[in-house]
Structures are given as structure tokens and as C-alpha cells.
Amino acid sequence: MGRAHCPDTPEYATGHGVAADWELVDGHCHMLRTTWIPRAEVEKTKTVDMPDVVLSMDQLGALADVDAVRDALAPLAQHYQEWLKQQREDLNGLTPHRPKTANEQAPQLPLLSPTGSHR
């Protein structure tokens, strides 16, 4: 999705647990490397308060059976489905030159049934 928001900014690598860096020569990437000291600051992910969702492993582990776990996690699947719908709607609000990139880069966002299976 970053390509949809920053279509003119190339990305040659993504770090996982470390930063990724690269060197360009005449506009072409000639070297990739990892580095422990990133050159850009990435915003922290903001959590969403969902009081109707049980996320505690202790609480989930104490539930009586699989049906109780499914019932406890069903609101999470519902919130996720609503979030996916919002992501699809947000693609429609992109400036004219970005929808093509968004449609190429965005995976087919799945819809989940209340049981958690894909439709």
C-alpha cells in the first residue's frame, strides 16, 4: 500500500527487524544492505481499543472448549471485516494517478464469515 501513497518513491528492500538501505547509480539500484541504524523513522502502529474482543492468552486458554474460544474471538473477525471494508473504500479516495498502483499492489482482501473461514 505504500506504493499507492508514495508512487514516485522507489523501494528496493524492506527490513524486518533491521533497516534496509540501498545505493543508486544513475537512477538504478546497485547495492542493497541491511543496517542497524535506520535513516528514516517509521511511525508506531496504533492499537485500537476493542472492549468486546478477548485477546488475553490467559483468558482464551481458560475457556471451556473450542466453541467458547470461537465465540470469544468472533468480534475480532467482525472488526477485521469492517476494517477490510474501510481499506477498500479508502482506495476509492486516492488521487487520480494512484488507483492503478493501489489495485496492482493491494492483495485481494478476504472477507471472513462469522466462523472465521474465507468466502
Protein backbone atom coordinates (compact mmCIF):
# COMPACT_ATOMS: atom_id res chain seq x y z
CA MET A 1 0.00 0.00 0.00
CA GLY A 2 2.97 2.29 0.42
CA ARG A 3 3.28 2.36 -3.38
CA ALA A 4 -0.25 3.76 -3.56
CA HIS A 5 0.59 6.63 -1.20
CA CYS A 6 4.14 7.29 -2.46
CA PRO A 7 4.14 6.15 -6.11
CA ASP A 8 7.19 8.21 -7.06
CA THR A 9 9.37 6.86 -4.25
CA PRO A 10 11.20 3.64 -5.16
CA GLU A 11 11.52 0.85 -2.62
CA TYR A 12 14.16 -1.75 -3.33
CA ALA A 13 14.11 -3.60 0.02
CA THR A 14 12.20 -3.78 3.27
CA GLY A 15 13.91 -4.55 6.56
CA HIS A 16 12.39 -6.96 9.07
CA GLY A 17 13.89 -6.30 12.47
CA VAL A 18 16.55 -4.14 10.82
CA ALA A 19 16.55 -1.26 8.37
CA ALA A 20 17.13 -1.74 4.65
CA ASP A 21 19.28 0.65 2.66
CA TRP A 22 20.43 0.87 -0.94
CA GLU A 23 22.71 2.83 -3.24
CA LEU A 24 21.64 4.18 -6.61
CA VAL A 25 23.96 4.78 -9.57
CA ASP A 26 22.44 6.68 -12.49
CA GLY A 27 18.98 6.03 -11.07
CA HIS A 28 19.47 2.26 -10.82
CA CYS A 29 19.89 0.22 -7.65
CA HIS A 30 23.39 -1.25 -7.49
CA MET A 31 23.68 -2.27 -3.84
CA LEU A 32 21.30 -3.45 -1.12
CA ARG A 33 22.24 -3.88 2.52
CA THR A 34 20.80 -4.08 5.99
CA THR A 35 21.75 -1.57 8.64
CA TRP A 36 21.09 -1.37 12.35
CA ILE A 37 20.75 2.39 12.27
CA PRO A 38 17.77 3.36 10.11
CA ARG A 39 17.76 6.58 8.10
CA ALA A 40 14.00 7.07 8.40
CA GLU A 41 11.65 6.97 11.31
CA VAL A 42 8.58 4.78 10.91
CA GLU A 43 5.50 5.66 12.91
CA LYS A 44 4.42 3.24 15.58
CA THR A 45 1.34 1.19 14.91
CA LYS A 46 -1.61 2.49 16.85
CA THR A 47 -3.74 -0.11 18.54
CA VAL A 48 -7.49 0.10 18.56
CA ASP A 49 -9.46 -0.38 21.74
CA MET A 50 -11.95 -3.22 21.20
CA PRO A 51 -13.55 -3.87 24.59
CA ASP A 52 -15.76 -6.64 23.16
CA VAL A 53 -12.73 -8.67 21.97
CA VAL A 54 -10.83 -11.10 24.20
CA LEU A 55 -7.13 -11.01 23.32
CA SER A 56 -5.56 -12.25 26.54
CA MET A 57 -3.95 -15.66 26.04
CA ASP A 58 -4.64 -16.41 29.70
CA GLN A 59 -8.34 -15.68 29.26
CA LEU A 60 -8.57 -17.58 25.97
CA GLY A 61 -6.68 -20.54 27.44
CA ALA A 62 -9.08 -20.73 30.37
CA LEU A 63 -12.16 -21.08 28.16
CA ALA A 64 -14.02 -24.37 28.37
CA ASP A 65 -13.96 -25.52 24.75
CA VAL A 66 -13.47 -24.58 21.12
CA ASP A 67 -16.99 -23.13 20.88
CA ALA A 68 -16.24 -20.74 23.74
CA VAL A 69 -12.99 -19.68 22.03
CA ARG A 70 -14.82 -19.16 18.73
CA ASP A 71 -17.45 -17.04 20.50
CA ALA A 72 -14.76 -15.01 22.26
CA LEU A 73 -12.87 -14.33 19.01
CA ALA A 74 -15.92 -13.74 16.76
CA PRO A 75 -15.95 -9.98 17.49
CA LEU A 76 -12.31 -9.78 16.35
CA ALA A 77 -13.25 -11.30 12.99
CA GLN A 78 -16.12 -8.82 12.70
CA HIS A 79 -13.87 -5.85 13.47
CA TYR A 80 -11.34 -7.16 10.92
CA GLN A 81 -14.03 -7.49 8.27
CA GLU A 82 -15.13 -3.90 8.92
CA TRP A 83 -11.50 -2.74 8.68
CA LEU A 84 -11.03 -4.55 5.34
CA LYS A 85 -14.17 -2.89 4.01
CA GLN A 86 -12.80 0.51 5.06
CA GLN A 87 -9.48 -0.23 3.31
CA ARG A 88 -11.34 -0.99 0.08
CA GLU A 89 -13.32 2.24 0.40
CA ASP A 90 -10.14 4.22 1.10
CA LEU A 91 -8.70 3.04 -2.24
CA ASN A 92 -11.55 4.88 -3.96
CA GLY A 93 -10.44 8.18 -2.42
CA LEU A 94 -6.94 8.13 -3.89
CA THR A 95 -5.83 10.84 -6.27
CA PRO A 96 -6.25 10.01 -9.99
CA HIS A 97 -2.74 8.63 -10.61
CA ARG A 98 -2.72 6.30 -7.60
CA PRO A 99 -5.64 3.83 -8.01
CA LYS A 100 -3.78 1.82 -10.67
CA THR A 101 -0.85 1.31 -8.32
CA ALA A 102 -3.17 0.51 -5.41
CA ASN A 103 -5.05 -2.07 -7.43
CA GLU A 104 -1.80 -3.69 -8.57
CA GLN A 105 -0.23 -3.68 -5.11
CA ALA A 106 -3.20 -4.38 -2.84
CA PRO A 107 -3.89 -8.06 -2.33
CA GLN A 108 -7.41 -9.29 -2.77
CA LEU A 109 -8.62 -8.52 0.71
CA PRO A 110 -10.52 -11.54 2.02
CA LEU A 111 -13.94 -11.42 3.54
CA LEU A 112 -14.37 -13.57 6.62
CA SER A 113 -17.51 -15.34 7.59
CA PRO A 114 -18.56 -15.22 11.28
CA THR A 115 -16.90 -18.65 11.74
CA GLY A 116 -13.58 -17.22 10.55
CA SER A 117 -13.46 -19.08 7.24
CA HIS A 118 -12.74 -17.29 3.96
CA ARG A 119 -15.54 -16.70 1.47
